Amino acid sequence: MTLSYSHAHKEGSGTTEVVAVLIAITDHSARVLTVDQGKLLPNGPLMPLHRSLQAGVRQWVEEQTQQPLGYLEQLYTFVDTNRRNIEGHALVYVSYLGLVQESETVHQQSQALWRDWYDYFPWENHLDGAPEMIGTLIVPALLDWASQADDDATMQRRQQRIRLCWGAGAMPDDTATERYDDYGWAAEHTLLRYEMLYEAGLIPEAPDYQPSKLPANWSQLIGTPMYYDHRRVIATAISRLRAKIEYQPLIFGLMPEVFTLSQLQQSIEALSGVRLHKQNFRRLLDTQNLVKPTGESSSAQRGRPAKLYRFCHDIELQSLLMDSKLPKRK
C-alpha cells in the first residue's frame, strides 16, 4: 500500500488511533523518534484489548521501536478529516508526548529512526539568529496569501496573525532594519506557525499545496513532510514543551543523572530554539535551588574540567523557572 499525505484509513471500522511523540536530547540536539523512514510517528489503532489509551500507546511504541518509555502525558486529541474508515467516519487522533533517553536498541532491533526535529521545522531554529528563509521566502509568501483574501477584513486578520506568529519585521511597516530579525519571536507559537503555513497551502501536507507556484527550491527549504497529520502532531508537542519549560521541570526527563551547567543550558536551548544569556541563566538556577553539585568534575579533554551537577529531587519542585522567563540572549 502506498501512503500519501492525505490517505484513507486502512481496512477496518476503527475510528481512533494513538500517536506518540517521543523526544530526546542527544549531543545538544532535540530529536524525535519516527518510523517508516521518518515519514510517520509511532502509531496504531486503539484495540479492545487495550485497558487504557496509555496502554495502547506503550504497546505500539514497544512493538514499533523498542524504545523504553519514561515520562508520558496526553498531548492533544483532534479529528483528521482527510482520513476515513470504510464506513466513512473521520479518524480521531489521541496523541501523547514522551520524554526519553535515546536508546541504542532502537537502531539495532527496529526500523525506527531518530530525527532532529528541525529537519521538519527549519524555520523554528533560531540558535544562530532568524533563518534567512523566513524573511526572504516564508513571510513574502504569507503576505501574498493574505492579499488574496476575499475582503479587507479577512486580509487584515491574516496580516495580524502573520505579525503575531512571525514577530516584528514580518510586516513591511514593522521593519526596523532591512532584514528580518528575531524581535517579537514567540518560540511557543510553533503550532500556530505550522497551521498558518498549512492554511496558506505552503507545505506538502496541505490540500491546496501547489509547488509549481512556489520557488524552485521551496521543497528543500520548507522541511521534511510526513504522512497524514503527523507533522502537525510534532508541532503540537514542540509548542507544549516550549511553553512548559518556562514553568515546569520537564527538562529533568531529558537529562542524564549528572551533567554540567553548560550541558543543561545547551539542552534547553535545543528545545527553545533560541540562545540563553549564560550568566543570567545560572543566576536563575541558583535562586531556584533546582540543581546541586556532586563534588565531582567532568573529564574535559581541553580546558578546565567543569563541575558536575544533579537535580534536587528531594525538594518540592513546582517549576523550572518559577515566575521567570528564560533569560534569552539579546
C-alpha atoms as a PDB file:
ATOM      1  CA  MET A   1       0.000   0.000   0.000  1.00  0.00           C
ATOM      2  CA  THR A   2       1.381   3.355  -0.997  1.00  0.00           C
ATOM      3  CA  LEU A   3       0.842   6.081   1.541  1.00  0.00           C
ATOM      4  CA  SER A   4       0.122   9.681   0.694  1.00  0.00           C
ATOM      5  CA  TYR A   5      -0.041  12.824   2.769  1.00  0.00           C
ATOM      6  CA  SER A   6      -3.837  12.537   2.801  1.00  0.00           C
ATOM      7  CA  HIS A   7      -4.747   8.850   2.854  1.00  0.00           C
ATOM      8  CA  ALA A   8      -7.831   6.778   3.630  1.00  0.00           C
ATOM      9  CA  HIS A   9      -7.760   4.656   6.768  1.00  0.00           C
ATOM     10  CA  LYS A  10      -6.698   1.054   6.150  1.00  0.00           C
ATOM     11  CA  GLU A  11      -9.401  -1.614   6.058  1.00  0.00           C
ATOM     12  CA  GLY A  12     -11.344  -1.651   9.301  1.00  0.00           C
ATOM     13  CA  SER A  13     -14.086   0.124  11.184  1.00  0.00           C
ATOM     14  CA  GLY A  14     -11.960   1.695  13.926  1.00  0.00           C
ATOM     15  CA  THR A  15     -12.086   5.440  14.318  1.00  0.00           C
ATOM     16  CA  THR A  16      -9.362   6.075  16.919  1.00  0.00           C
ATOM     17  CA  GLU A  17      -5.585   5.955  16.662  1.00  0.00           C
ATOM     18  CA  VAL A  18      -2.963   6.659  19.306  1.00  0.00           C
ATOM     19  CA  VAL A  19       0.174   8.536  18.228  1.00  0.00           C
ATOM     20  CA  ALA A  20       3.369   9.057  20.248  1.00  0.00           C
ATOM     21  CA  VAL A  21       5.800  11.984  20.010  1.00  0.00           C
ATOM     22  CA  LEU A  22       8.941  10.773  21.787  1.00  0.00           C
ATOM     23  CA  ILE A  23      11.537  13.483  22.385  1.00  0.00           C
ATOM     24  CA  ALA A  24      15.192  13.094  23.378  1.00  0.00           C
ATOM     25  CA  ILE A  25      18.163  15.435  23.674  1.00  0.00           C
ATOM     26  CA  THR A  26      21.271  13.890  22.115  1.00  0.00           C
ATOM     27  CA  ASP A  27      24.509  15.826  21.567  1.00  0.00           C
ATOM     28  CA  HIS A  28      22.612  19.061  22.327  1.00  0.00           C
ATOM     29  CA  SER A  29      20.117  18.288  19.565  1.00  0.00           C
ATOM     30  CA  ALA A  30      16.330  17.980  20.048  1.00  0.00           C
ATOM     31  CA  ARG A  31      15.302  14.744  18.372  1.00  0.00           C
ATOM     32  CA  VAL A  32      12.033  12.945  17.668  1.00  0.00           C
ATOM     33  CA  LEU A  33      11.549   9.199  17.171  1.00  0.00           C
ATOM     34  CA  THR A  34       9.982   8.236  13.835  1.00  0.00           C
ATOM     35  CA  VAL A  35       9.109   5.139  11.821  1.00  0.00           C
ATOM     36  CA  ASP A  36       8.710   4.422   8.104  1.00  0.00           C
ATOM     37  CA  GLN A  37      11.931   6.251   7.195  1.00  0.00           C
ATOM     38  CA  GLY A  38      10.947   9.377   9.081  1.00  0.00           C
ATOM     39  CA  LYS A  39       7.511   9.758   7.478  1.00  0.00           C
ATOM     40  CA  LEU A  40       5.415   8.662  10.465  1.00  0.00           C
ATOM     41  CA  LEU A  41       5.373   8.761  14.244  1.00  0.00           C
ATOM     42  CA  PRO A  42       4.900   5.535  16.220  1.00  0.00           C
ATOM     43  CA  ASN A  43       1.162   4.899  15.976  1.00  0.00           C
ATOM     44  CA  GLY A  44      -1.577   2.309  15.907  1.00  0.00           C
ATOM     45  CA  PRO A  45      -5.312   1.788  16.281  1.00  0.00           C
ATOM     46  CA  LEU A  46      -6.875   1.646  19.709  1.00  0.00           C
ATOM     47  CA  MET A  47      -7.848  -2.000  20.238  1.00  0.00           C
ATOM     48  CA  PRO A  48     -10.425  -3.571  22.584  1.00  0.00           C
ATOM     49  CA  LEU A  49      -7.618  -5.404  24.394  1.00  0.00           C
ATOM     50  CA  HIS A  50      -6.057  -2.091  25.477  1.00  0.00           C
ATOM     51  CA  ARG A  51      -7.218  -1.328  29.011  1.00  0.00           C
ATOM     52  CA  SER A  52      -6.431   2.370  28.519  1.00  0.00           C
ATOM     53  CA  LEU A  53      -5.232   4.854  25.904  1.00  0.00           C
ATOM     54  CA  GLN A  54      -1.809   4.957  27.530  1.00  0.00           C
ATOM     55  CA  ALA A  55      -1.586   1.156  27.424  1.00  0.00           C
ATOM     56  CA  GLY A  56      -2.249   1.331  23.695  1.00  0.00           C
ATOM     57  CA  VAL A  57       0.484   3.925  23.216  1.00  0.00           C
ATOM     58  CA  ARG A  58       3.003   1.866  25.167  1.00  0.00           C
ATOM     59  CA  GLN A  59       2.209  -1.291  23.205  1.00  0.00           C
ATOM     60  CA  TRP A  60       2.587   0.313  19.783  1.00  0.00           C
ATOM     61  CA  VAL A  61       5.779   2.149  20.764  1.00  0.00           C
ATOM     62  CA  GLU A  62       7.299  -1.062  22.119  1.00  0.00           C
ATOM     63  CA  GLU A  63       6.352  -3.071  19.042  1.00  0.00           C
ATOM     64  CA  GLN A  64       7.469  -0.487  16.501  1.00  0.00           C
ATOM     65  CA  THR A  65      10.581   0.986  18.118  1.00  0.00           C
ATOM     66  CA  GLN A  66      11.758  -0.984  21.202  1.00  0.00           C
ATOM     67  CA  GLN A  67      12.310   2.407  22.848  1.00  0.00           C
ATOM     68  CA  PRO A  68      11.908   2.313  26.666  1.00  0.00           C
ATOM     69  CA  LEU A  69       9.332   4.847  27.839  1.00  0.00           C
ATOM     70  CA  GLY A  70       9.638   7.179  30.788  1.00  0.00           C
ATOM     71  CA  TYR A  71       7.575  10.345  31.283  1.00  0.00           C
ATOM     72  CA  LEU A  72       4.375  10.263  29.233  1.00  0.00           C
ATOM     73  CA  GLU A  73       1.462  12.719  29.087  1.00  0.00           C
ATOM     74  CA  GLN A  74      -1.565  13.076  26.849  1.00  0.00           C
ATOM     75  CA  LEU A  75      -0.907  15.800  24.327  1.00  0.00           C
ATOM     76  CA  TYR A  76      -3.884  16.569  22.140  1.00  0.00           C
ATOM     77  CA  THR A  77      -6.936  14.970  20.525  1.00  0.00           C
ATOM     78  CA  PHE A  78      -8.167  16.053  17.107  1.00  0.00           C
ATOM     79  CA  VAL A  79     -10.044  14.804  14.068  1.00  0.00           C
ATOM     80  CA  ASP A  80      -8.240  14.175  10.770  1.00  0.00           C
ATOM     81  CA  THR A  81     -10.997  14.841   8.235  1.00  0.00           C
ATOM     82  CA  ASN A  82      -8.707  13.712   5.398  1.00  0.00           C
ATOM     83  CA  ARG A  83      -8.696  10.102   6.655  1.00  0.00           C
ATOM     84  CA  ARG A  84     -11.819   7.951   6.930  1.00  0.00           C
ATOM     85  CA  ASN A  85     -12.534   4.311   7.672  1.00  0.00           C
ATOM     86  CA  ILE A  86     -14.560   2.010   5.423  1.00  0.00           C
ATOM     87  CA  GLU A  87     -17.780   3.296   6.982  1.00  0.00           C
ATOM     88  CA  GLY A  88     -16.872   6.898   6.124  1.00  0.00           C
ATOM     89  CA  HIS A  89     -16.121   8.065   9.657  1.00  0.00           C
ATOM     90  CA  ALA A  90     -13.238  10.510  10.133  1.00  0.00           C
ATOM     91  CA  LEU A  91     -10.271   9.328  12.166  1.00  0.00           C
ATOM     92  CA  VAL A  92      -9.637  10.640  15.674  1.00  0.00           C
ATOM     93  CA  TYR A  93      -6.025  11.028  16.819  1.00  0.00           C
ATOM     94  CA  VAL A  94      -5.161  10.799  20.508  1.00  0.00           C
ATOM     95  CA  SER A  95      -1.565  11.949  20.771  1.00  0.00           C
ATOM     96  CA  TYR A  96       0.930  11.544  23.591  1.00  0.00           C
ATOM     97  CA  LEU A  97       4.177  13.289  24.470  1.00  0.00           C
ATOM     98  CA  GLY A  98       7.027  11.237  25.920  1.00  0.00           C
ATOM     99  CA  LEU A  99      10.412  12.385  27.232  1.00  0.00           C
ATOM    100  CA  VAL A 100      13.063   9.684  26.952  1.00  0.00           C
ATOM    101  CA  GLN A 101      16.761   8.943  26.819  1.00  0.00           C
ATOM    102  CA  GLU A 102      17.722   7.824  23.320  1.00  0.00           C
ATOM    103  CA  SER A 103      18.221   4.025  23.318  1.00  0.00           C
ATOM    104  CA  GLU A 104      20.716   2.098  21.151  1.00  0.00           C
ATOM    105  CA  THR A 105      18.147  -0.706  20.972  1.00  0.00           C
ATOM    106  CA  VAL A 106      16.097   1.441  18.604  1.00  0.00           C
ATOM    107  CA  HIS A 107      18.807   1.266  15.934  1.00  0.00           C
ATOM    108  CA  GLN A 108      19.688  -2.383  16.499  1.00  0.00           C
ATOM    109  CA  GLN A 109      16.276  -4.068  16.690  1.00  0.00           C
ATOM    110  CA  SER A 110      13.734  -1.920  14.862  1.00  0.00           C
ATOM    111  CA  GLN A 111      13.104   0.211  11.789  1.00  0.00           C
ATOM    112  CA  ALA A 112      12.667   3.327  13.922  1.00  0.00           C
ATOM    113  CA  LEU A 113      14.783   6.392  13.264  1.00  0.00           C
ATOM    114  CA  TRP A 114      15.699   9.352  15.440  1.00  0.00           C
ATOM    115  CA  ARG A 115      15.485  12.660  13.549  1.00  0.00           C
ATOM    116  CA  ASP A 116      16.419  16.207  14.511  1.00  0.00           C
ATOM    117  CA  TRP A 117      13.079  17.973  14.905  1.00  0.00           C
ATOM    118  CA  TYR A 118      14.419  20.976  12.974  1.00  0.00           C
ATOM    119  CA  ASP A 119      14.552  18.711   9.899  1.00  0.00           C
ATOM    120  CA  TYR A 120      10.761  19.043   9.960  1.00  0.00           C
ATOM    121  CA  PHE A 121      10.610  22.684  11.115  1.00  0.00           C
ATOM    122  CA  PRO A 122      13.734  24.516   9.879  1.00  0.00           C
ATOM    123  CA  TRP A 123      12.134  27.938  10.447  1.00  0.00           C
ATOM    124  CA  GLU A 124      11.929  27.168  14.192  1.00  0.00           C
ATOM    125  CA  ASN A 125      15.717  27.004  14.675  1.00  0.00           C
ATOM    126  CA  HIS A 126      16.891  30.454  15.799  1.00  0.00           C
ATOM    127  CA  LEU A 127      20.050  29.304  17.584  1.00  0.00           C
ATOM    128  CA  ASP A 128      22.093  31.330  15.111  1.00  0.00           C
ATOM    129  CA  GLY A 129      19.520  34.062  14.662  1.00  0.00           C
ATOM    130  CA  ALA A 130      16.436  34.122  12.461  1.00  0.00           C
ATOM    131  CA  PRO A 131      16.782  31.784   9.450  1.00  0.00           C
ATOM    132  CA  GLU A 132      17.112  33.784   6.255  1.00  0.00           C
ATOM    133  CA  MET A 133      14.257  31.812   4.671  1.00  0.00           C
ATOM    134  CA  ILE A 134      11.714  33.474   6.980  1.00  0.00           C
ATOM    135  CA  GLY A 135      12.316  36.959   5.613  1.00  0.00           C
ATOM    136  CA  THR A 136      13.101  36.014   2.027  1.00  0.00           C
ATOM    137  CA  LEU A 137      10.571  33.224   1.372  1.00  0.00           C
ATOM    138  CA  ILE A 138       8.038  32.431   4.085  1.00  0.00           C
ATOM    139  CA  VAL A 139       6.840  35.887   5.085  1.00  0.00           C
ATOM    140  CA  PRO A 140       6.551  37.166   1.481  1.00  0.00           C
ATOM    141  CA  ALA A 141       4.552  34.045   0.561  1.00  0.00           C
ATOM    142  CA  LEU A 142       2.263  34.549   3.559  1.00  0.00           C
ATOM    143  CA  LEU A 143       1.758  38.233   2.750  1.00  0.00           C
ATOM    144  CA  ASP A 144       0.820  37.235  -0.790  1.00  0.00           C
ATOM    145  CA  TRP A 145      -1.694  34.759   0.663  1.00  0.00           C
ATOM    146  CA  ALA A 146      -3.113  37.499   2.901  1.00  0.00           C
ATOM    147  CA  SER A 147      -3.532  39.830  -0.078  1.00  0.00           C
ATOM    148  CA  GLN A 148      -5.651  37.196  -1.852  1.00  0.00           C
ATOM    149  CA  ALA A 149      -8.361  37.320   0.844  1.00  0.00           C
ATOM    150  CA  ASP A 150     -11.926  37.832  -0.350  1.00  0.00           C
ATOM    151  CA  ASP A 151     -12.403  41.027   1.653  1.00  0.00           C
ATOM    152  CA  ASP A 152     -10.429  43.664   3.557  1.00  0.00           C
ATOM    153  CA  ALA A 153     -11.457  42.386   6.998  1.00  0.00           C
ATOM    154  CA  THR A 154     -10.118  38.888   6.253  1.00  0.00           C
ATOM    155  CA  MET A 155      -6.936  40.345   4.787  1.00  0.00           C
ATOM    156  CA  GLN A 156      -6.333  42.418   7.922  1.00  0.00           C
ATOM    157  CA  ARG A 157      -6.947  39.416  10.188  1.00  0.00           C
ATOM    158  CA  ARG A 158      -4.439  37.385   8.211  1.00  0.00           C
ATOM    159  CA  GLN A 159      -1.877  40.168   8.416  1.00  0.00           C
ATOM    160  CA  GLN A 160      -2.372  40.400  12.175  1.00  0.00           C
ATOM    161  CA  ARG A 161      -1.847  36.646  12.502  1.00  0.00           C
ATOM    162  CA  ILE A 162       1.346  36.866  10.445  1.00  0.00           C
ATOM    163  CA  ARG A 163       2.674  39.579  12.753  1.00  0.00           C
ATOM    164  CA  LEU A 164       1.692  37.558  15.848  1.00  0.00           C
ATOM    165  CA  CYS A 165       3.234  34.302  14.655  1.00  0.00           C
ATOM    166  CA  TRP A 166       6.358  35.530  12.903  1.00  0.00           C
ATOM    167  CA  GLY A 167       7.284  38.532  15.055  1.00  0.00           C
ATOM    168  CA  ALA A 168       8.073  42.155  14.325  1.00  0.00           C
ATOM    169  CA  GLY A 169       9.638  42.500  10.926  1.00  0.00           C
ATOM    170  CA  ALA A 170       7.031  40.179   9.426  1.00  0.00           C
ATOM    171  CA  MET A 171       5.115  43.176   8.102  1.00  0.00           C
ATOM    172  CA  PRO A 172       6.627  45.861   5.879  1.00  0.00           C
ATOM    173  CA  ASP A 173       5.730  48.717   8.251  1.00  0.00           C
ATOM    174  CA  ASP A 174       7.302  46.822  11.199  1.00  0.00           C
ATOM    175  CA  THR A 175      10.731  46.515   9.662  1.00  0.00           C
ATOM    176  CA  ALA A 176      13.318  48.440  11.686  1.00  0.00           C
ATOM    177  CA  THR A 177      16.164  47.065   9.587  1.00  0.00           C
ATOM    178  CA  GLU A 178      16.441  45.853   6.022  1.00  0.00           C
ATOM    179  CA  ARG A 179      16.328  42.171   7.026  1.00  0.00           C
ATOM    180  CA  TYR A 180      14.009  40.163   9.212  1.00  0.00           C
ATOM    181  CA  ASP A 181      15.214  39.654  12.805  1.00  0.00           C
ATOM    182  CA  ASP A 182      14.104  37.819  15.950  1.00  0.00           C
ATOM    183  CA  TYR A 183      12.348  40.754  17.615  1.00  0.00           C
ATOM    184  CA  GLY A 184       8.964  39.652  18.914  1.00  0.00           C
ATOM    185  CA  TRP A 185       9.536  35.965  18.088  1.00  0.00           C
ATOM    186  CA  ALA A 186       7.490  33.713  20.415  1.00  0.00           C
ATOM    187  CA  ALA A 187       9.082  30.269  20.374  1.00  0.00           C
ATOM    188  CA  GLU A 188       5.972  28.549  21.767  1.00  0.00           C
ATOM    189  CA  HIS A 189       3.881  29.502  18.702  1.00  0.00           C
ATOM    190  CA  THR A 190       5.222  26.566  16.671  1.00  0.00           C
ATOM    191  CA  LEU A 191       1.780  25.044  16.106  1.00  0.00           C
ATOM    192  CA  LEU A 192       0.249  28.392  15.091  1.00  0.00           C
ATOM    193  CA  ARG A 193       3.008  28.912  12.524  1.00  0.00           C
ATOM    194  CA  TYR A 194       2.626  25.396  11.113  1.00  0.00           C
ATOM    195  CA  GLU A 195      -1.143  25.714  10.851  1.00  0.00           C
ATOM    196  CA  MET A 196      -0.784  29.049   9.075  1.00  0.00           C
ATOM    197  CA  LEU A 197       1.569  27.504   6.503  1.00  0.00           C
ATOM    198  CA  TYR A 198      -0.946  24.663   6.089  1.00  0.00           C
ATOM    199  CA  GLU A 199      -3.869  27.057   5.632  1.00  0.00           C
ATOM    200  CA  ALA A 200      -1.911  29.071   3.085  1.00  0.00           C
ATOM    201  CA  GLY A 201      -1.078  25.914   1.105  1.00  0.00           C
ATOM    202  CA  LEU A 202       2.679  26.330   1.602  1.00  0.00           C
ATOM    203  CA  ILE A 203       3.534  22.810   2.834  1.00  0.00           C
ATOM    204  CA  PRO A 204       3.065  19.444   1.042  1.00  0.00           C
ATOM    205  CA  GLU A 205       0.551  18.175   3.619  1.00  0.00           C
ATOM    206  CA  ALA A 206      -1.882  20.968   2.718  1.00  0.00           C
ATOM    207  CA  PRO A 207      -4.677  20.059   0.252  1.00  0.00           C
ATOM    208  CA  ASP A 208      -4.095  23.367  -1.615  1.00  0.00           C
ATOM    209  CA  TYR A 209      -0.320  22.871  -1.987  1.00  0.00           C
ATOM    210  CA  GLN A 210       0.816  23.878  -5.476  1.00  0.00           C
ATOM    211  CA  PRO A 211       4.614  23.631  -5.723  1.00  0.00           C
ATOM    212  CA  SER A 212       4.554  24.879  -9.319  1.00  0.00           C
ATOM    213  CA  LYS A 213       3.571  28.322  -7.995  1.00  0.00           C
ATOM    214  CA  LEU A 214       6.439  28.450  -5.477  1.00  0.00           C
ATOM    215  CA  PRO A 215      10.207  29.000  -5.851  1.00  0.00           C
ATOM    216  CA  ALA A 216      12.073  26.045  -7.376  1.00  0.00           C
ATOM    217  CA  ASN A 217      13.968  25.292  -4.150  1.00  0.00           C
ATOM    218  CA  TRP A 218      10.901  25.622  -1.898  1.00  0.00           C
ATOM    219  CA  SER A 219      10.543  21.886  -1.166  1.00  0.00           C
ATOM    220  CA  GLN A 220      14.171  21.687   0.014  1.00  0.00           C
ATOM    221  CA  LEU A 221      13.702  24.598   2.428  1.00  0.00           C
ATOM    222  CA  ILE A 222      10.253  24.048   3.929  1.00  0.00           C
ATOM    223  CA  GLY A 223      11.155  20.944   5.948  1.00  0.00           C
ATOM    224  CA  THR A 224      10.626  17.202   5.612  1.00  0.00           C
ATOM    225  CA  PRO A 225       6.923  16.379   5.105  1.00  0.00           C
ATOM    226  CA  MET A 226       5.180  13.484   6.881  1.00  0.00           C
ATOM    227  CA  TYR A 227       2.229  11.249   6.084  1.00  0.00           C
ATOM    228  CA  TYR A 228      -1.209  12.013   7.477  1.00  0.00           C
ATOM    229  CA  ASP A 229      -1.160  14.841  10.040  1.00  0.00           C
ATOM    230  CA  HIS A 230       1.913  13.643  11.913  1.00  0.00           C
ATOM    231  CA  ARG A 231       3.993  16.770  11.364  1.00  0.00           C
ATOM    232  CA  ARG A 232       1.164  18.753  12.955  1.00  0.00           C
ATOM    233  CA  VAL A 233       1.319  16.407  15.953  1.00  0.00           C
ATOM    234  CA  ILE A 234       5.056  17.138  16.347  1.00  0.00           C
ATOM    235  CA  ALA A 235       4.348  20.876  16.090  1.00  0.00           C
ATOM    236  CA  THR A 236       1.839  20.482  18.917  1.00  0.00           C
ATOM    237  CA  ALA A 237       4.476  18.716  21.034  1.00  0.00           C
ATOM    238  CA  ILE A 238       7.081  21.418  20.373  1.00  0.00           C
ATOM    239  CA  SER A 239       4.628  24.158  21.361  1.00  0.00           C
ATOM    240  CA  ARG A 240       3.718  22.278  24.547  1.00  0.00           C
ATOM    241  CA  LEU A 241       7.343  21.685  25.548  1.00  0.00           C
ATOM    242  CA  ARG A 242       8.497  25.212  24.774  1.00  0.00           C
ATOM    243  CA  ALA A 243       5.683  26.661  26.852  1.00  0.00           C
ATOM    244  CA  LYS A 244       6.080  24.271  29.795  1.00  0.00           C
ATOM    245  CA  ILE A 245       9.860  24.528  30.224  1.00  0.00           C
ATOM    246  CA  GLU A 246       9.193  28.103  31.310  1.00  0.00           C
ATOM    247  CA  TYR A 247       7.401  26.928  34.460  1.00  0.00           C
ATOM    248  CA  GLN A 248       7.732  23.131  34.899  1.00  0.00           C
ATOM    249  CA  PRO A 249      10.831  20.906  35.333  1.00  0.00           C
ATOM    250  CA  LEU A 250      10.225  18.776  32.238  1.00  0.00           C
ATOM    251  CA  ILE A 251      13.899  19.078  31.312  1.00  0.00           C
ATOM    252  CA  PHE A 252      14.562  16.530  34.078  1.00  0.00           C
ATOM    253  CA  GLY A 253      13.249  13.750  31.855  1.00  0.00           C
ATOM    254  CA  LEU A 254      15.740  14.552  29.105  1.00  0.00           C
ATOM    255  CA  MET A 255      18.972  14.945  31.079  1.00  0.00           C
ATOM    256  CA  PRO A 256      21.397  12.256  32.292  1.00  0.00           C
ATOM    257  CA  GLU A 257      21.743  11.718  36.034  1.00  0.00           C
ATOM    258  CA  VAL A 258      24.727  14.085  36.243  1.00  0.00           C
ATOM    259  CA  PHE A 259      25.566  16.956  33.917  1.00  0.00           C
ATOM    260  CA  THR A 260      27.406  20.242  33.633  1.00  0.00           C
ATOM    261  CA  LEU A 261      25.572  23.566  33.681  1.00  0.00           C
ATOM    262  CA  SER A 262      26.659  24.114  30.079  1.00  0.00           C
ATOM    263  CA  GLN A 263      25.033  20.833  29.080  1.00  0.00           C
ATOM    264  CA  LEU A 264      21.828  21.855  30.841  1.00  0.00           C
ATOM    265  CA  GLN A 265      21.775  25.258  29.133  1.00  0.00           C
ATOM    266  CA  GLN A 266      22.507  23.763  25.703  1.00  0.00           C
ATOM    267  CA  SER A 267      19.698  21.232  26.153  1.00  0.00           C
ATOM    268  CA  ILE A 268      17.163  23.944  26.981  1.00  0.00           C
ATOM    269  CA  GLU A 269      18.424  25.985  24.030  1.00  0.00           C
ATOM    270  CA  ALA A 270      17.911  22.973  21.752  1.00  0.00           C
ATOM    271  CA  LEU A 271      14.273  22.779  22.853  1.00  0.00           C
ATOM    272  CA  SER A 272      13.526  26.502  22.759  1.00  0.00           C
ATOM    273  CA  GLY A 273      15.439  27.182  19.536  1.00  0.00           C
ATOM    274  CA  VAL A 274      16.991  30.362  20.959  1.00  0.00           C
ATOM    275  CA  ARG A 275      20.209  31.153  22.818  1.00  0.00           C
ATOM    276  CA  LEU A 276      20.122  31.989  26.524  1.00  0.00           C
ATOM    277  CA  HIS A 277      22.174  34.526  28.431  1.00  0.00           C
ATOM    278  CA  LYS A 278      24.736  32.404  30.276  1.00  0.00           C
ATOM    279  CA  GLN A 279      25.206  34.472  33.450  1.00  0.00           C
ATOM    280  CA  ASN A 280      21.503  35.216  33.869  1.00  0.00           C
ATOM    281  CA  PHE A 281      20.618  31.562  33.297  1.00  0.00           C
ATOM    282  CA  ARG A 282      22.997  30.386  36.016  1.00  0.00           C
ATOM    283  CA  ARG A 283      21.807  33.102  38.378  1.00  0.00           C
ATOM    284  CA  LEU A 284      18.275  31.883  37.797  1.00  0.00           C
ATOM    285  CA  LEU A 285      19.260  28.305  38.609  1.00  0.00           C
ATOM    286  CA  ASP A 286      20.879  29.462  41.841  1.00  0.00           C
ATOM    287  CA  THR A 287      17.780  31.329  43.005  1.00  0.00           C
ATOM    288  CA  GLN A 288      15.516  28.327  42.296  1.00  0.00           C
ATOM    289  CA  ASN A 289      17.755  25.752  44.032  1.00  0.00           C
ATOM    290  CA  LEU A 290      16.994  23.191  41.333  1.00  0.00           C
ATOM    291  CA  VAL A 291      20.485  21.717  40.976  1.00  0.00           C
ATOM    292  CA  LYS A 292      23.236  20.779  43.384  1.00  0.00           C
ATOM    293  CA  PRO A 293      26.920  19.965  42.803  1.00  0.00           C
ATOM    294  CA  THR A 294      28.015  16.335  43.040  1.00  0.00           C
ATOM    295  CA  GLY A 295      31.513  17.264  44.217  1.00  0.00           C
ATOM    296  CA  GLU A 296      32.986  15.810  41.028  1.00  0.00           C
ATOM    297  CA  SER A 297      34.098  17.295  37.716  1.00  0.00           C
ATOM    298  CA  SER A 298      33.883  16.208  34.113  1.00  0.00           C
ATOM    299  CA  SER A 299      36.963  14.809  32.424  1.00  0.00           C
ATOM    300  CA  ALA A 300      37.377  17.503  29.802  1.00  0.00           C
ATOM    301  CA  GLN A 301      39.976  16.884  27.104  1.00  0.00           C
ATOM    302  CA  ARG A 302      40.698  20.587  26.747  1.00  0.00           C
ATOM    303  CA  GLY A 303      40.349  23.449  29.200  1.00  0.00           C
ATOM    304  CA  ARG A 304      39.355  23.254  32.837  1.00  0.00           C
ATOM    305  CA  PRO A 305      37.111  20.355  33.945  1.00  0.00           C
ATOM    306  CA  ALA A 306      33.541  21.548  34.581  1.00  0.00           C
ATOM    307  CA  LYS A 307      31.691  20.830  37.801  1.00  0.00           C
ATOM    308  CA  LEU A 308      29.034  18.130  37.629  1.00  0.00           C
ATOM    309  CA  TYR A 309      25.528  18.675  38.976  1.00  0.00           C
ATOM    310  CA  ARG A 310      22.329  16.732  39.539  1.00  0.00           C
ATOM    311  CA  PHE A 311      18.754  17.843  40.031  1.00  0.00           C
ATOM    312  CA  CYS A 312      17.467  18.327  43.562  1.00  0.00           C
ATOM    313  CA  HIS A 313      14.809  15.636  43.611  1.00  0.00           C
ATOM    314  CA  ASP A 314      14.492  15.909  47.392  1.00  0.00           C
ATOM    315  CA  ILE A 315      12.747  19.304  47.294  1.00  0.00           C
ATOM    316  CA  GLU A 316       9.220  20.107  46.179  1.00  0.00           C
ATOM    317  CA  LEU A 317       9.682  21.265  42.590  1.00  0.00           C
ATOM    318  CA  GLN A 318       6.808  23.297  41.245  1.00  0.00           C
ATOM    319  CA  SER A 319       8.652  24.866  38.333  1.00  0.00           C
ATOM    320  CA  LEU A 320      11.880  25.043  36.436  1.00  0.00           C
ATOM    321  CA  LEU A 321      11.863  28.834  36.262  1.00  0.00           C
ATOM    322  CA  MET A 322       9.249  29.975  38.751  1.00  0.00           C
ATOM    323  CA  ASP A 323       7.736  33.368  37.921  1.00  0.00           C
ATOM    324  CA  SER A 324      10.517  33.927  35.404  1.00  0.00           C
ATOM    325  CA  LYS A 325      11.099  33.799  31.705  1.00  0.00           C
ATOM    326  CA  LEU A 326      14.051  32.122  30.080  1.00  0.00           C
ATOM    327  CA  PRO A 327      16.874  34.705  30.007  1.00  0.00           C
ATOM    328  CA  LYS A 328      17.258  34.886  26.249  1.00  0.00           C
ATOM    329  CA  ARG A 329      20.393  36.398  24.829  1.00  0.00           C
ATOM    330  CA  LYS A 330      19.852  39.753  23.150  1.00  0.00           C
END
